[in-house]
Amino acid sequence: MQIHGLGNKITWHESKNEVEESKKELIKILKQLEDVLGEKPYFGGDVFGFLDIALMGYYPSFHTYETCANFSIEAECPKLMEWAKRCLERDTVSKSLTDPDKLCDMVMRSRKKFGLD
């Protein structure tokens, strides 16, 4: 999926230009997902399903993308973030995902270690 590739470009960027281009493309894709979600609580309608499970795998990285590219996914895609929060209310989801803050801290330390900051 393009989210991962764009996220890598944002996270491990070497130029501000690359970050801005990738950020714009990522927001575009997230808005498309938001359009598909519409007013439904989950992508499958009223039932939490496989697409919700698959897409929530990207959620822990959102904080890292926001930090590296200086933007807010919640400001850009509020319905998508409401969906994510709804999914996180499920123990099966919240207990199986990496802590977004810990992931971001690890990435930022790695960026510094490799001289990318």
PDB file of N, CA and C in Angstrom:
ATOM      1  N   MET A   1       0.844  -1.184   0.000  1.00  0.00           N
ATOM      2  CA  MET A   1       0.000   0.000   0.000  1.00  0.00           C
ATOM      3  C   MET A   1       0.886   1.244   0.000  1.00  0.00           C
ATOM      4  N   GLN A   2       0.439   2.285  -0.601  1.00  0.00           N
ATOM      5  CA  GLN A   2       1.212   3.513  -0.746  1.00  0.00           C
ATOM      6  C   GLN A   2       1.481   4.212   0.578  1.00  0.00           C
ATOM      7  N   ILE A   3       0.651   3.988   1.583  1.00  0.00           N
ATOM      8  CA  ILE A   3       0.838   4.662   2.869  1.00  0.00           C
ATOM      9  C   ILE A   3       2.222   4.344   3.423  1.00  0.00           C
ATOM     10  N   HIS A   4       2.605   3.091   3.401  1.00  0.00           N
ATOM     11  CA  HIS A   4       3.897   2.678   3.952  1.00  0.00           C
ATOM     12  C   HIS A   4       5.064   3.321   3.197  1.00  0.00           C
ATOM     13  N   GLY A   5       5.015   3.286   1.886  1.00  0.00           N
ATOM     14  CA  GLY A   5       6.089   3.871   1.086  1.00  0.00           C
ATOM     15  C   GLY A   5       6.227   5.367   1.294  1.00  0.00           C
ATOM     16  N   LEU A   6       5.106   6.060   1.320  1.00  0.00           N
ATOM     17  CA  LEU A   6       5.145   7.505   1.556  1.00  0.00           C
ATOM     18  C   LEU A   6       5.602   7.804   2.977  1.00  0.00           C
ATOM     19  N   GLY A   7       5.156   6.979   3.914  1.00  0.00           N
ATOM     20  CA  GLY A   7       5.596   7.145   5.300  1.00  0.00           C
ATOM     21  C   GLY A   7       7.098   6.990   5.431  1.00  0.00           C
ATOM     22  N   ASN A   8       7.667   6.026   4.709  1.00  0.00           N
ATOM     23  CA  ASN A   8       9.121   5.858   4.726  1.00  0.00           C
ATOM     24  C   ASN A   8       9.830   7.076   4.150  1.00  0.00           C
ATOM     25  N   LYS A   9       9.291   7.634   3.086  1.00  0.00           N
ATOM     26  CA  LYS A   9       9.900   8.837   2.502  1.00  0.00           C
ATOM     27  C   LYS A   9       9.844  10.000   3.483  1.00  0.00           C
ATOM     28  N   ILE A  10       8.735  10.116   4.213  1.00  0.00           N
ATOM     29  CA  ILE A  10       8.595  11.184   5.208  1.00  0.00           C
ATOM     30  C   ILE A  10       9.559  10.942   6.366  1.00  0.00           C
ATOM     31  N   THR A  11       9.610   9.716   6.835  1.00  0.00           N
ATOM     32  CA  THR A  11      10.398   9.379   8.020  1.00  0.00           C
ATOM     33  C   THR A  11      11.900   9.426   7.770  1.00  0.00           C
ATOM     34  N   TRP A  12      12.338   8.904   6.657  1.00  0.00           N
ATOM     35  CA  TRP A  12      13.773   8.779   6.395  1.00  0.00           C
ATOM     36  C   TRP A  12      14.258   9.757   5.329  1.00  0.00           C
ATOM     37  N   HIS A  13      13.572  10.861   5.185  1.00  0.00           N
ATOM     38  CA  HIS A  13      13.879  11.865   4.161  1.00  0.00           C
ATOM     39  C   HIS A  13      15.283  12.444   4.321  1.00  0.00           C
ATOM     40  N   GLU A  14      15.780  12.917   3.223  1.00  0.00           N
ATOM     41  CA  GLU A  14      17.040  13.645   3.218  1.00  0.00           C
ATOM     42  C   GLU A  14      16.844  15.079   2.758  1.00  0.00           C
ATOM     43  N   SER A  15      15.683  15.378   2.176  1.00  0.00           N
ATOM     44  CA  SER A  15      15.423  16.751   1.731  1.00  0.00           C
ATOM     45  C   SER A  15      14.023  17.185   2.143  1.00  0.00           C
ATOM     46  N   LYS A  16      13.878  18.459   2.407  1.00  0.00           N
ATOM     47  CA  LYS A  16      12.572  19.023   2.780  1.00  0.00           C
ATOM     48  C   LYS A  16      11.586  18.895   1.621  1.00  0.00           C
ATOM     49  N   ASN A  17      12.097  18.991   0.399  1.00  0.00           N
ATOM     50  CA  ASN A  17      11.252  18.843  -0.792  1.00  0.00           C
ATOM     51  C   ASN A  17      10.574  17.474  -0.819  1.00  0.00           C
ATOM     52  N   GLU A  18      11.356  16.442  -0.534  1.00  0.00           N
ATOM     53  CA  GLU A  18      10.830  15.079  -0.518  1.00  0.00           C
ATOM     54  C   GLU A  18       9.744  14.934   0.546  1.00  0.00           C
ATOM     55  N   VAL A  19       9.958  15.558   1.699  1.00  0.00           N
ATOM     56  CA  VAL A  19       8.972  15.496   2.782  1.00  0.00           C
ATOM     57  C   VAL A  19       7.669  16.147   2.347  1.00  0.00           C
ATOM     58  N   GLU A  20       7.750  17.336   1.788  1.00  0.00           N
ATOM     59  CA  GLU A  20       6.541  18.067   1.394  1.00  0.00           C
ATOM     60  C   GLU A  20       5.753  17.324   0.316  1.00  0.00           C
ATOM     61  N   GLU A  21       6.451  16.799  -0.672  1.00  0.00           N
ATOM     62  CA  GLU A  21       5.773  16.047  -1.740  1.00  0.00           C
ATOM     63  C   GLU A  21       5.104  14.788  -1.185  1.00  0.00           C
ATOM     64  N   SER A  22       5.828  14.078  -0.341  1.00  0.00           N
ATOM     65  CA  SER A  22       5.289  12.841   0.243  1.00  0.00           C
ATOM     66  C   SER A  22       4.130  13.134   1.182  1.00  0.00           C
ATOM     67  N   LYS A  23       4.239  14.214   1.939  1.00  0.00           N
ATOM     68  CA  LYS A  23       3.166  14.605   2.858  1.00  0.00           C
ATOM     69  C   LYS A  23       1.892  14.919   2.082  1.00  0.00           C
ATOM     70  N   LYS A  24       2.016  15.673   1.013  1.00  0.00           N
ATOM     71  CA  LYS A  24       0.844  16.009   0.190  1.00  0.00           C
ATOM     72  C   LYS A  24       0.189  14.751  -0.375  1.00  0.00           C
ATOM     73  N   GLU A  25       1.000  13.828  -0.856  1.00  0.00           N
ATOM     74  CA  GLU A  25       0.473  12.583  -1.426  1.00  0.00           C
ATOM     75  C   GLU A  25      -0.171  11.717  -0.341  1.00  0.00           C
ATOM     76  N   LEU A  26       0.456  11.658   0.828  1.00  0.00           N
ATOM     77  CA  LEU A  26      -0.113  10.881   1.931  1.00  0.00           C
ATOM     78  C   LEU A  26      -1.466  11.447   2.352  1.00  0.00           C
ATOM     79  N   ILE A  27      -1.552  12.755   2.485  1.00  0.00           N
ATOM     80  CA  ILE A  27      -2.824  13.390   2.857  1.00  0.00           C
ATOM     81  C   ILE A  27      -3.889  13.085   1.808  1.00  0.00           C
ATOM     82  N   LYS A  28      -3.506  13.126   0.541  1.00  0.00           N
ATOM     83  CA  LYS A  28      -4.446  12.818  -0.543  1.00  0.00           C
ATOM     84  C   LYS A  28      -4.999  11.397  -0.390  1.00  0.00           C
ATOM     85  N   ILE A  29      -4.139  10.446  -0.108  1.00  0.00           N
ATOM     86  CA  ILE A  29      -4.564   9.051   0.055  1.00  0.00           C
ATOM     87  C   ILE A  29      -5.443   8.892   1.290  1.00  0.00           C
ATOM     88  N   LEU A  30      -5.059   9.536   2.380  1.00  0.00           N
ATOM     89  CA  LEU A  30      -5.861   9.439   3.604  1.00  0.00           C
ATOM     90  C   LEU A  30      -7.239  10.065   3.412  1.00  0.00           C
ATOM     91  N   LYS A  31      -7.302  11.143   2.641  1.00  0.00           N
ATOM     92  CA  LYS A  31      -8.604  11.762   2.344  1.00  0.00           C
ATOM     93  C   LYS A  31      -9.469  10.828   1.485  1.00  0.00           C
ATOM     94  N   GLN A  32      -8.827  10.094   0.575  1.00  0.00           N
ATOM     95  CA  GLN A  32      -9.571   9.112  -0.221  1.00  0.00           C
ATOM     96  C   GLN A  32     -10.149   8.022   0.680  1.00  0.00           C
ATOM     97  N   LEU A  33      -9.359   7.569   1.638  1.00  0.00           N
ATOM     98  CA  LEU A  33      -9.859   6.579   2.595  1.00  0.00           C
ATOM     99  C   LEU A  33     -11.008   7.156   3.414  1.00  0.00           C
ATOM    100  N   GLU A  34     -10.871   8.405   3.792  1.00  0.00           N
ATOM    101  CA  GLU A  34     -11.924   9.080   4.552  1.00  0.00           C
ATOM    102  C   GLU A  34     -13.212   9.156   3.733  1.00  0.00           C
ATOM    103  N   ASP A  35     -13.077   9.412   2.439  1.00  0.00           N
ATOM    104  CA  ASP A  35     -14.253   9.440   1.556  1.00  0.00           C
ATOM    105  C   ASP A  35     -14.926   8.072   1.482  1.00  0.00           C
ATOM    106  N   VAL A  36     -14.125   7.017   1.409  1.00  0.00           N
ATOM    107  CA  VAL A  36     -14.677   5.659   1.374  1.00  0.00           C
ATOM    108  C   VAL A  36     -15.389   5.344   2.693  1.00  0.00           C
ATOM    109  N   LEU A  37     -14.808   5.766   3.793  1.00  0.00           N
ATOM    110  CA  LEU A  37     -15.416   5.547   5.107  1.00  0.00           C
ATOM    111  C   LEU A  37     -16.757   6.251   5.206  1.00  0.00           C
ATOM    112  N   GLY A  38     -16.807   7.480   4.686  1.00  0.00           N
ATOM    113  CA  GLY A  38     -18.050   8.252   4.719  1.00  0.00           C
ATOM    114  C   GLY A  38     -18.540   8.464   6.129  1.00  0.00           C
ATOM    115  N   GLU A  39     -19.814   8.215   6.354  1.00  0.00           N
ATOM    116  CA  GLU A  39     -20.423   8.402   7.674  1.00  0.00           C
ATOM    117  C   GLU A  39     -20.531   7.093   8.454  1.00  0.00           C
ATOM    118  N   LYS A  40     -19.975   6.029   7.892  1.00  0.00           N
ATOM    119  CA  LYS A  40     -20.064   4.716   8.537  1.00  0.00           C
ATOM    120  C   LYS A  40     -19.102   4.653   9.729  1.00  0.00           C
ATOM    121  N   PRO A  41     -19.429   3.870  10.747  1.00  0.00           N
ATOM    122  CA  PRO A  41     -18.506   3.733  11.873  1.00  0.00           C
ATOM    123  C   PRO A  41     -17.247   2.939  11.508  1.00  0.00           C
ATOM    124  N   TYR A  42     -17.382   2.001  10.584  1.00  0.00           N
ATOM    125  CA  TYR A  42     -16.260   1.171  10.136  1.00  0.00           C
ATOM    126  C   TYR A  42     -16.303   1.062   8.614  1.00  0.00           C
ATOM    127  N   PHE A  43     -15.201   0.637   8.020  1.00  0.00           N
ATOM    128  CA  PHE A  43     -15.160   0.554   6.562  1.00  0.00           C
ATOM    129  C   PHE A  43     -16.175  -0.435   6.009  1.00  0.00           C
ATOM    130  N   GLY A  44     -16.520  -1.451   6.799  1.00  0.00           N
ATOM    131  CA  GLY A  44     -17.513  -2.422   6.363  1.00  0.00           C
ATOM    132  C   GLY A  44     -18.932  -2.056   6.755  1.00  0.00           C
ATOM    133  N   GLY A  45     -19.123  -0.863   7.261  1.00  0.00           N
ATOM    134  CA  GLY A  45     -20.451  -0.428   7.710  1.00  0.00           C
ATOM    135  C   GLY A  45     -20.519  -0.394   9.222  1.00  0.00           C
ATOM    136  N   ASP A  46     -21.489  -1.096   9.782  1.00  0.00           N
ATOM    137  CA  ASP A  46     -21.664  -1.120  11.234  1.00  0.00           C
ATOM    138  C   ASP A  46     -20.792  -2.164  11.918  1.00  0.00           C
ATOM    139  N   VAL A  47     -20.132  -2.986  11.120  1.00  0.00           N
ATOM    140  CA  VAL A  47     -19.363  -4.099  11.666  1.00  0.00           C
ATOM    141  C   VAL A  47     -17.864  -3.870  11.463  1.00  0.00           C
ATOM    142  N   PHE A  48     -17.093  -4.015  12.532  1.00  0.00           N
ATOM    143  CA  PHE A  48     -15.638  -3.966  12.476  1.00  0.00           C
ATOM    144  C   PHE A  48     -15.166  -5.177  11.680  1.00  0.00           C
ATOM    145  N   GLY A  49     -14.350  -4.937  10.634  1.00  0.00           N
ATOM    146  CA  GLY A  49     -13.971  -6.042   9.762  1.00  0.00           C
ATOM    147  C   GLY A  49     -12.517  -6.047   9.337  1.00  0.00           C
ATOM    148  N   PHE A  50     -12.244  -6.858   8.324  1.00  0.00           N
ATOM    149  CA  PHE A  50     -10.866  -7.078   7.891  1.00  0.00           C
ATOM    150  C   PHE A  50     -10.181  -5.809   7.391  1.00  0.00           C
ATOM    151  N   LEU A  51     -10.891  -4.924   6.716  1.00  0.00           N
ATOM    152  CA  LEU A  51     -10.269  -3.696   6.224  1.00  0.00           C
ATOM    153  C   LEU A  51      -9.890  -2.783   7.385  1.00  0.00           C
ATOM    154  N   ASP A  52     -10.723  -2.731   8.403  1.00  0.00           N
ATOM    155  CA  ASP A  52     -10.393  -1.949   9.594  1.00  0.00           C
ATOM    156  C   ASP A  52      -9.125  -2.504  10.248  1.00  0.00           C
ATOM    157  N   ILE A  53      -9.059  -3.821  10.354  1.00  0.00           N
ATOM    158  CA  ILE A  53      -7.885  -4.466  10.949  1.00  0.00           C
ATOM    159  C   ILE A  53      -6.630  -4.136  10.140  1.00  0.00           C
ATOM    160  N   ALA A  54      -6.725  -4.272   8.829  1.00  0.00           N
ATOM    161  CA  ALA A  54      -5.569  -4.014   7.964  1.00  0.00           C
ATOM    162  C   ALA A  54      -5.109  -2.563   8.050  1.00  0.00           C
ATOM    163  N   LEU A  55      -6.038  -1.635   8.010  1.00  0.00           N
ATOM    164  CA  LEU A  55      -5.667  -0.218   8.012  1.00  0.00           C
ATOM    165  C   LEU A  55      -5.171   0.262   9.371  1.00  0.00           C
ATOM    166  N   MET A  56      -5.670  -0.329  10.448  1.00  0.00           N
ATOM    167  CA  MET A  56      -5.203   0.085  11.776  1.00  0.00           C
ATOM    168  C   MET A  56      -3.738  -0.267  11.997  1.00  0.00           C
ATOM    169  N   GLY A  57      -3.208  -1.166  11.207  1.00  0.00           N
ATOM    170  CA  GLY A  57      -1.786  -1.477  11.295  1.00  0.00           C
ATOM    171  C   GLY A  57      -0.895  -0.278  10.997  1.00  0.00           C
ATOM    172  N   TYR A  58      -1.422   0.684  10.262  1.00  0.00           N
ATOM    173  CA  TYR A  58      -0.666   1.900   9.940  1.00  0.00           C
ATOM    174  C   TYR A  58      -0.770   2.960  11.033  1.00  0.00           C
ATOM    175  N   TYR A  59      -1.781   2.851  11.860  1.00  0.00           N
ATOM    176  CA  TYR A  59      -2.062   3.895  12.853  1.00  0.00           C
ATOM    177  C   TYR A  59      -0.863   4.246  13.752  1.00  0.00           C
ATOM    178  N   PRO A  60      -0.122   3.281  14.301  1.00  0.00           N
ATOM    179  CA  PRO A  60       0.987   3.658  15.185  1.00  0.00           C
ATOM    180  C   PRO A  60       2.034   4.557  14.520  1.00  0.00           C
ATOM    181  N   SER A  61       2.151   4.489  13.216  1.00  0.00           N
ATOM    182  CA  SER A  61       3.141   5.311  12.501  1.00  0.00           C
ATOM    183  C   SER A  61       2.668   6.737  12.248  1.00  0.00           C
ATOM    184  N   PHE A  62       1.388   6.995  12.381  1.00  0.00           N
ATOM    185  CA  PHE A  62       0.864   8.330  12.081  1.00  0.00           C
ATOM    186  C   PHE A  62       1.570   9.415  12.893  1.00  0.00           C
ATOM    187  N   HIS A  63       1.803   9.163  14.178  1.00  0.00           N
ATOM    188  CA  HIS A  63       2.459  10.166  15.027  1.00  0.00           C
ATOM    189  C   HIS A  63       3.866  10.478  14.506  1.00  0.00           C
ATOM    190  N   THR A  64       4.566   9.459  14.052  1.00  0.00           N
ATOM    191  CA  THR A  64       5.909   9.656  13.497  1.00  0.00           C
ATOM    192  C   THR A  64       5.840  10.492  12.225  1.00  0.00           C
ATOM    193  N   TYR A  65       4.905  10.187  11.353  1.00  0.00           N
ATOM    194  CA  TYR A  65       4.754  10.963  10.118  1.00  0.00           C
ATOM    195  C   TYR A  65       4.456  12.421  10.443  1.00  0.00           C
ATOM    196  N   GLU A  66       3.563  12.636  11.391  1.00  0.00           N
ATOM    197  CA  GLU A  66       3.194  14.003  11.784  1.00  0.00           C
ATOM    198  C   GLU A  66       4.398  14.751  12.342  1.00  0.00           C
ATOM    199  N   THR A  67       5.198  14.072  13.154  1.00  0.00           N
ATOM    200  CA  THR A  67       6.368  14.695  13.768  1.00  0.00           C
ATOM    201  C   THR A  67       7.421  15.035  12.720  1.00  0.00           C
ATOM    202  N   CYS A  68       7.696  14.105  11.828  1.00  0.00           N
ATOM    203  CA  CYS A  68       8.735  14.315  10.811  1.00  0.00           C
ATOM    204  C   CYS A  68       8.334  15.346   9.761  1.00  0.00           C
ATOM    205  N   ALA A  69       7.038  15.451   9.473  1.00  0.00           N
ATOM    206  CA  ALA A  69       6.584  16.346   8.399  1.00  0.00           C
ATOM    207  C   ALA A  69       5.823  17.565   8.923  1.00  0.00           C
ATOM    208  N   ASN A  70       5.731  17.692  10.235  1.00  0.00           N
ATOM    209  CA  ASN A  70       5.124  18.869  10.857  1.00  0.00           C
ATOM    210  C   ASN A  70       3.707  19.154  10.341  1.00  0.00           C
ATOM    211  N   PHE A  71       2.812  18.188  10.559  1.00  0.00           N
ATOM    212  CA  PHE A  71       1.412  18.376  10.195  1.00  0.00           C
ATOM    213  C   PHE A  71       0.546  17.539  11.116  1.00  0.00           C
ATOM    214  N   SER A  72      -0.759  17.681  11.001  1.00  0.00           N
ATOM    215  CA  SER A  72      -1.700  16.945  11.838  1.00  0.00           C
ATOM    216  C   SER A  72      -2.664  16.159  10.958  1.00  0.00           C
ATOM    217  N   ILE A  73      -2.634  14.855  11.087  1.00  0.00           N
ATOM    218  CA  ILE A  73      -3.577  14.026  10.336  1.00  0.00           C
ATOM    219  C   ILE A  73      -4.989  14.302  10.823  1.00  0.00           C
ATOM    220  N   GLU A  74      -5.137  14.537  12.115  1.00  0.00           N
ATOM    221  CA  GLU A  74      -6.473  14.823  12.650  1.00  0.00           C
ATOM    222  C   GLU A  74      -7.051  16.102  12.043  1.00  0.00           C
ATOM    223  N   ALA A  75      -6.219  17.110  11.842  1.00  0.00           N
ATOM    224  CA  ALA A  75      -6.692  18.357  11.225  1.00  0.00           C
ATOM    225  C   ALA A  75      -7.044  18.144   9.756  1.00  0.00           C
ATOM    226  N   GLU A  76      -6.283  17.308   9.075  1.00  0.00           N
ATOM    227  CA  GLU A  76      -6.501  17.058   7.648  1.00  0.00           C
ATOM    228  C   GLU A  76      -7.633  16.059   7.391  1.00  0.00           C
ATOM    229  N   CYS A  77      -7.745  15.067   8.251  1.00  0.00           N
ATOM    230  CA  CYS A  77      -8.705  13.960   8.046  1.00  0.00           C
ATOM    231  C   CYS A  77      -9.412  13.614   9.359  1.00  0.00           C
ATOM    232  N   PRO A  78     -10.253  14.503   9.855  1.00  0.00           N
ATOM    233  CA  PRO A  78     -10.870  14.278  11.170  1.00  0.00           C
ATOM    234  C   PRO A  78     -11.737  13.022  11.254  1.00  0.00           C
ATOM    235  N   LYS A  79     -12.456  12.702  10.198  1.00  0.00           N
ATOM    236  CA  LYS A  79     -13.314  11.504  10.233  1.00  0.00           C
ATOM    237  C   LYS A  79     -12.481  10.226  10.300  1.00  0.00           C
ATOM    238  N   LEU A  80     -11.352  10.235   9.620  1.00  0.00           N
ATOM    239  CA  LEU A  80     -10.473   9.071   9.653  1.00  0.00           C
ATOM    240  C   LEU A  80      -9.914   8.867  11.060  1.00  0.00           C
ATOM    241  N   MET A  81      -9.564   9.957  11.722  1.00  0.00           N
ATOM    242  CA  MET A  81      -9.037   9.835  13.077  1.00  0.00           C
ATOM    243  C   MET A  81     -10.131   9.458  14.074  1.00  0.00           C
ATOM    244  N   GLU A  82     -11.352   9.889  13.836  1.00  0.00           N
ATOM    245  CA  GLU A  82     -12.470   9.441  14.681  1.00  0.00           C
ATOM    246  C   GLU A  82     -12.636   7.933  14.541  1.00  0.00           C
ATOM    247  N   TRP A  83     -12.530   7.446  13.322  1.00  0.00           N
ATOM    248  CA  TRP A  83     -12.596   6.005  13.067  1.00  0.00           C
ATOM    249  C   TRP A  83     -11.480   5.283  13.821  1.00  0.00           C
ATOM    250  N   ALA A  84     -10.257   5.824  13.755  1.00  0.00           N
ATOM    251  CA  ALA A  84      -9.124   5.187  14.436  1.00  0.00           C
ATOM    252  C   ALA A  84      -9.370   5.124  15.942  1.00  0.00           C
ATOM    253  N   LYS A  85      -9.865   6.202  16.510  1.00  0.00           N
ATOM    254  CA  LYS A  85     -10.158   6.222  17.950  1.00  0.00           C
ATOM    255  C   LYS A  85     -11.244   5.202  18.289  1.00  0.00           C
ATOM    256  N   ARG A  86     -12.223   5.080  17.419  1.00  0.00           N
ATOM    257  CA  ARG A  86     -13.287   4.095  17.615  1.00  0.00           C
ATOM    258  C   ARG A  86     -12.695   2.678  17.603  1.00  0.00           C
ATOM    259  N   CYS A  87     -11.803   2.432  16.676  1.00  0.00           N
ATOM    260  CA  CYS A  87     -11.158   1.117  16.601  1.00  0.00           C
ATOM    261  C   CYS A  87     -10.311   0.849  17.847  1.00  0.00           C
ATOM    262  N   LEU A  88      -9.640   1.883  18.350  1.00  0.00           N
ATOM    263  CA  LEU A  88      -8.791   1.719  19.529  1.00  0.00           C
ATOM    264  C   LEU A  88      -9.584   1.412  20.792  1.00  0.00           C
ATOM    265  N   GLU A  89     -10.876   1.675  20.773  1.00  0.00           N
ATOM    266  CA  GLU A  89     -11.718   1.335  21.921  1.00  0.00           C
ATOM    267  C   GLU A  89     -11.857  -0.182  22.072  1.00  0.00           C
ATOM    268  N   ARG A  90     -11.534  -0.894  21.036  1.00  0.00           N
ATOM    269  CA  ARG A  90     -11.597  -2.362  21.069  1.00  0.00           C
ATOM    270  C   ARG A  90     -10.284  -2.885  21.658  1.00  0.00           C
ATOM    271  N   ASP A  91     -10.373  -3.663  22.730  1.00  0.00           N
ATOM    272  CA  ASP A  91      -9.170  -4.210  23.364  1.00  0.00           C
ATOM    273  C   ASP A  91      -8.319  -5.013  22.390  1.00  0.00           C
ATOM    274  N   THR A  92      -8.968  -5.730  21.497  1.00  0.00           N
ATOM    275  CA  THR A  92      -8.226  -6.546  20.537  1.00  0.00           C
ATOM    276  C   THR A  92      -7.347  -5.693  19.631  1.00  0.00           C
ATOM    277  N   VAL A  93      -7.730  -4.452  19.425  1.00  0.00           N
ATOM    278  CA  VAL A  93      -6.936  -3.534  18.605  1.00  0.00           C
ATOM    279  C   VAL A  93      -5.899  -2.832  19.470  1.00  0.00           C
ATOM    280  N   SER A  94      -6.343  -2.168  20.524  1.00  0.00           N
ATOM    281  CA  SER A  94      -5.436  -1.350  21.335  1.00  0.00           C
ATOM    282  C   SER A  94      -4.303  -2.163  21.954  1.00  0.00           C
ATOM    283  N   LYS A  95      -4.575  -3.403  22.331  1.00  0.00           N
ATOM    284  CA  LYS A  95      -3.542  -4.231  22.959  1.00  0.00           C
ATOM    285  C   LYS A  95      -2.583  -4.862  21.955  1.00  0.00           C
ATOM    286  N   SER A  96      -2.908  -4.809  20.691  1.00  0.00           N
ATOM    287  CA  SER A  96      -2.057  -5.456  19.692  1.00  0.00           C
ATOM    288  C   SER A  96      -1.178  -4.479  18.913  1.00  0.00           C
ATOM    289  N   LEU A  97      -1.385  -3.184  19.110  1.00  0.00           N
ATOM    290  CA  LEU A  97      -0.611  -2.190  18.361  1.00  0.00           C
ATOM    291  C   LEU A  97       0.544  -1.626  19.186  1.00  0.00           C
ATOM    292  N   THR A  98       1.599  -1.268  18.498  1.00  0.00           N
ATOM    293  CA  THR A  98       2.737  -0.598  19.110  1.00  0.00           C
ATOM    294  C   THR A  98       2.315   0.774  19.615  1.00  0.00           C
ATOM    295  N   ASP A  99       2.898   1.203  20.714  1.00  0.00           N
ATOM    296  CA  ASP A  99       2.642   2.535  21.249  1.00  0.00           C
ATOM    297  C   ASP A  99       3.202   3.575  20.271  1.00  0.00           C
ATOM    298  N   PRO A 100       2.365   4.478  19.752  1.00  0.00           N
ATOM    299  CA  PRO A 100       2.830   5.472  18.775  1.00  0.00           C
ATOM    300  C   PRO A 100       3.955   6.368  19.292  1.00  0.00           C
ATOM    301  N   ASP A 101       3.923   6.731  20.572  1.00  0.00           N
ATOM    302  CA  ASP A 101       4.975   7.587  21.132  1.00  0.00           C
ATOM    303  C   ASP A 101       6.313   6.859  21.188  1.00  0.00           C
ATOM    304  N   LYS A 102       6.286   5.603  21.598  1.00  0.00           N
ATOM    305  CA  LYS A 102       7.526   4.822  21.658  1.00  0.00           C
ATOM    306  C   LYS A 102       8.102   4.610  20.265  1.00  0.00           C
ATOM    307  N   LEU A 103       7.242   4.351  19.299  1.00  0.00           N
ATOM    308  CA  LEU A 103       7.695   4.182  17.923  1.00  0.00           C
ATOM    309  C   LEU A 103       8.342   5.465  17.415  1.00  0.00           C
ATOM    310  N   CYS A 104       7.695   6.586  17.657  1.00  0.00           N
ATOM    311  CA  CYS A 104       8.227   7.875  17.212  1.00  0.00           C
ATOM    312  C   CYS A 104       9.576   8.162  17.874  1.00  0.00           C
ATOM    313  N   ASP A 105       9.678   7.919  19.175  1.00  0.00           N
ATOM    314  CA  ASP A 105      10.946   8.138  19.881  1.00  0.00           C
ATOM    315  C   ASP A 105      12.066   7.294  19.278  1.00  0.00           C
ATOM    316  N   MET A 106      11.773   6.028  18.989  1.00  0.00           N
ATOM    317  CA  MET A 106      12.772   5.143  18.403  1.00  0.00           C
ATOM    318  C   MET A 106      13.214   5.645  17.023  1.00  0.00           C
ATOM    319  N   VAL A 107      12.254   6.074  16.230  1.00  0.00           N
ATOM    320  CA  VAL A 107      12.570   6.579  14.887  1.00  0.00           C
ATOM    321  C   VAL A 107      13.408   7.852  14.980  1.00  0.00           C
ATOM    322  N   MET A 108      13.043   8.748  15.880  1.00  0.00           N
ATOM    323  CA  MET A 108      13.782  10.006  15.997  1.00  0.00           C
ATOM    324  C   MET A 108      15.214   9.747  16.488  1.00  0.00           C
ATOM    325  N   ARG A 109      15.393   8.797  17.399  1.00  0.00           N
ATOM    326  CA  ARG A 109      16.748   8.437  17.841  1.00  0.00           C
ATOM    327  C   ARG A 109      17.541   7.846  16.676  1.00  0.00           C
ATOM    328  N   SER A 110      16.898   7.011  15.879  1.00  0.00           N
ATOM    329  CA  SER A 110      17.575   6.406  14.722  1.00  0.00           C
ATOM    330  C   SER A 110      17.952   7.462  13.694  1.00  0.00           C
ATOM    331  N   ARG A 111      17.058   8.413  13.456  1.00  0.00           N
ATOM    332  CA  ARG A 111      17.366   9.498  12.514  1.00  0.00           C
ATOM    333  C   ARG A 111      18.609  10.253  12.978  1.00  0.00           C
ATOM    334  N   LYS A 112      18.654  10.540  14.259  1.00  0.00           N
ATOM    335  CA  LYS A 112      19.796  11.272  14.813  1.00  0.00           C
ATOM    336  C   LYS A 112      21.075  10.434  14.692  1.00  0.00           C
ATOM    337  N   LYS A 113      20.976   9.160  15.020  1.00  0.00           N
ATOM    338  CA  LYS A 113      22.130   8.257  14.951  1.00  0.00           C
ATOM    339  C   LYS A 113      22.712   8.198  13.540  1.00  0.00           C
ATOM    340  N   PHE A 114      21.845   8.217  12.533  1.00  0.00           N
ATOM    341  CA  PHE A 114      22.299   8.130  11.148  1.00  0.00           C
ATOM    342  C   PHE A 114      22.540   9.499  10.504  1.00  0.00           C
ATOM    343  N   GLY A 115      22.515  10.546  11.320  1.00  0.00           N
ATOM    344  CA  GLY A 115      22.829  11.885  10.825  1.00  0.00           C
ATOM    345  C   GLY A 115      21.773  12.501   9.930  1.00  0.00           C
ATOM    346  N   LEU A 116      20.519  12.099  10.117  1.00  0.00           N
ATOM    347  CA  LEU A 116      19.444  12.632   9.280  1.00  0.00           C
ATOM    348  C   LEU A 116      18.753  13.831   9.922  1.00  0.00           C
ATOM    349  N   ASP A 117      19.173  14.206  11.104  1.00  0.00           N
ATOM    350  CA  ASP A 117      18.620  15.407  11.750  1.00  0.00           C
ATOM    351  C   ASP A 117      19.687  16.442  11.974  1.00  0.00           C
TER     352      ASP A 117
END
